[in-house]
Protein backbone atom coordinates (compact mmCIF):
# COMPACT_ATOMS: atom_id res chain seq x y z
CA PRO A 1 -6.07 -49.04 -145.62
CA ARG A 2 -9.77 -49.56 -145.73
CA PHE A 3 -11.55 -49.46 -142.33
CA LYS A 4 -14.50 -51.91 -142.99
CA GLY A 5 -16.07 -54.82 -141.16
CA VAL A 6 -17.49 -55.48 -137.75
CA LYS A 7 -16.72 -53.09 -134.96
CA PRO A 8 -15.79 -55.15 -131.89
CA SER A 9 -17.25 -53.76 -128.68
CA GLY A 10 -15.34 -50.65 -127.62
CA LEU A 11 -12.90 -50.60 -130.50
CA HIS A 12 -12.16 -47.18 -132.15
CA VAL A 13 -12.55 -47.62 -135.95
CA PRO A 14 -10.68 -45.02 -137.81
CA ASN A 15 -12.54 -42.83 -140.33
CA GLU A 16 -10.69 -42.76 -143.76
CA ARG A 17 -12.33 -39.64 -145.09
CA ALA A 18 -11.62 -37.68 -141.80
CA PHE A 19 -7.93 -38.69 -142.32
CA CYS A 20 -7.81 -37.17 -145.75
CA GLU A 21 -9.62 -34.04 -144.46
CA LEU A 22 -7.15 -33.75 -141.49
CA LYS A 23 -4.25 -34.02 -143.90
CA GLU A 24 -5.46 -31.14 -145.93
CA ALA A 25 -6.25 -29.11 -142.72
CA MET A 26 -2.76 -29.72 -141.48
CA ALA A 27 -1.14 -28.71 -144.78
CA SER A 28 -3.10 -25.42 -144.65
CA VAL A 29 -1.76 -24.45 -141.14
CA VAL A 30 1.55 -22.59 -140.97
CA GLY A 31 3.85 -23.56 -138.05
CA LEU A 32 2.72 -25.80 -135.19
CA LYS A 33 5.25 -28.29 -136.11
CA PRO A 34 5.41 -30.01 -132.68
CA LEU A 35 1.71 -30.38 -132.73
CA LYS A 36 1.56 -31.78 -136.39
CA ASN A 37 4.27 -34.34 -135.24
CA TRP A 38 2.10 -35.30 -132.17
CA ILE A 39 -0.91 -35.74 -134.39
CA LYS A 40 0.91 -37.97 -136.87
CA LYS A 41 2.13 -40.11 -133.95
CA PHE A 42 -1.44 -40.29 -132.44
CA LEU A 43 -2.97 -41.48 -135.56
CA SER A 44 -0.10 -43.97 -136.22
CA ASP A 45 -0.83 -45.35 -132.77
CA ALA A 46 -4.60 -45.36 -133.49
CA LEU A 47 -4.05 -47.39 -136.56
CA ARG A 48 -1.75 -49.78 -134.79
CA PHE A 49 -4.33 -50.24 -131.88
CA TYR A 50 -7.08 -50.86 -134.48
CA ALA A 51 -5.01 -53.43 -136.39
CA SER A 52 -4.16 -55.30 -133.19
CA GLY A 53 -7.93 -55.27 -132.15
CA GLU A 54 -7.21 -53.34 -128.97
CA ARG A 55 -8.91 -50.25 -127.46
CA MET A 56 -6.78 -47.23 -127.66
CA LYS A 57 -5.86 -45.61 -124.27
CA LEU A 58 -6.82 -41.96 -124.15
CA ARG A 59 -5.72 -39.03 -121.99
CA ASN A 60 -7.07 -35.51 -121.34
CA ILE A 61 -5.32 -32.58 -123.12
CA THR A 62 -5.02 -29.08 -121.79
CA LEU A 63 -3.74 -26.27 -124.00
CA SER A 64 -2.18 -23.12 -122.57
CA GLY A 65 -0.46 -20.15 -123.96
CA ALA A 66 -0.56 -16.43 -124.61
CA LEU A 67 -2.92 -14.73 -126.90
CA GLY A 68 -2.30 -15.45 -130.54
CA THR A 69 -0.28 -18.69 -130.06
CA GLY A 70 -2.68 -20.85 -131.97
CA ARG A 71 -4.61 -22.62 -129.13
CA ARG A 72 -7.90 -22.62 -130.95
CA THR A 73 -6.31 -23.88 -134.19
CA ALA A 74 -4.43 -26.55 -132.28
CA ALA A 75 -7.57 -27.62 -130.57
CA GLY A 76 -9.43 -27.79 -133.97
CA LEU A 77 -6.72 -30.01 -135.42
CA ILE A 78 -6.64 -32.29 -132.33
CA ALA A 79 -10.48 -32.59 -132.56
CA LYS A 80 -10.10 -33.61 -136.12
CA ALA A 81 -7.49 -36.13 -135.38
CA VAL A 82 -9.48 -37.68 -132.44
CA TYR A 83 -12.39 -37.90 -134.99
CA ALA A 84 -10.26 -39.41 -137.65
CA ALA A 85 -8.97 -42.05 -135.14
CA GLY A 86 -12.71 -43.07 -134.50
CA VAL A 87 -12.71 -42.08 -130.95
CA THR A 88 -15.43 -39.43 -131.31
CA SER A 89 -18.50 -39.41 -133.54
CA SER A 90 -18.00 -35.61 -134.48
CA PRO A 91 -14.94 -33.43 -135.23
CA SER A 92 -16.41 -30.65 -133.00
CA LEU A 93 -14.66 -29.08 -129.96
CA ALA A 94 -15.57 -29.07 -126.45
CA THR A 95 -13.92 -26.05 -124.90
CA GLY A 96 -14.15 -24.32 -121.59
CA LEU A 97 -12.53 -21.97 -119.21
CA CYS A 98 -11.30 -23.31 -115.95
CA GLY A 99 -9.96 -21.64 -112.86
CA ILE A 100 -10.68 -18.01 -114.19
CA GLY A 101 -11.85 -15.68 -111.47
CA MET A 102 -13.74 -12.54 -112.50
């Protein structure tokens, strides 16, 4: 579908080019099947909300796991998915460490 036209106030307009780039990025990643399924559902929901003219409800996401489990890769894919859904204006990551005492 083409995502053109007037953007109603607060409506997230999907980014078609970012959808294609995300599809390529997901194809290049080995594993992370549960994440890939979550992203597909997220994007499906984003298109459904856009088609109905409703604003998508968003939640915070926290990634955890041991070293080498793919957290950064997962975060990058999620950032690209949120950008493709039109929620953010950039596919960049906002990362931080919480609750780590040194």
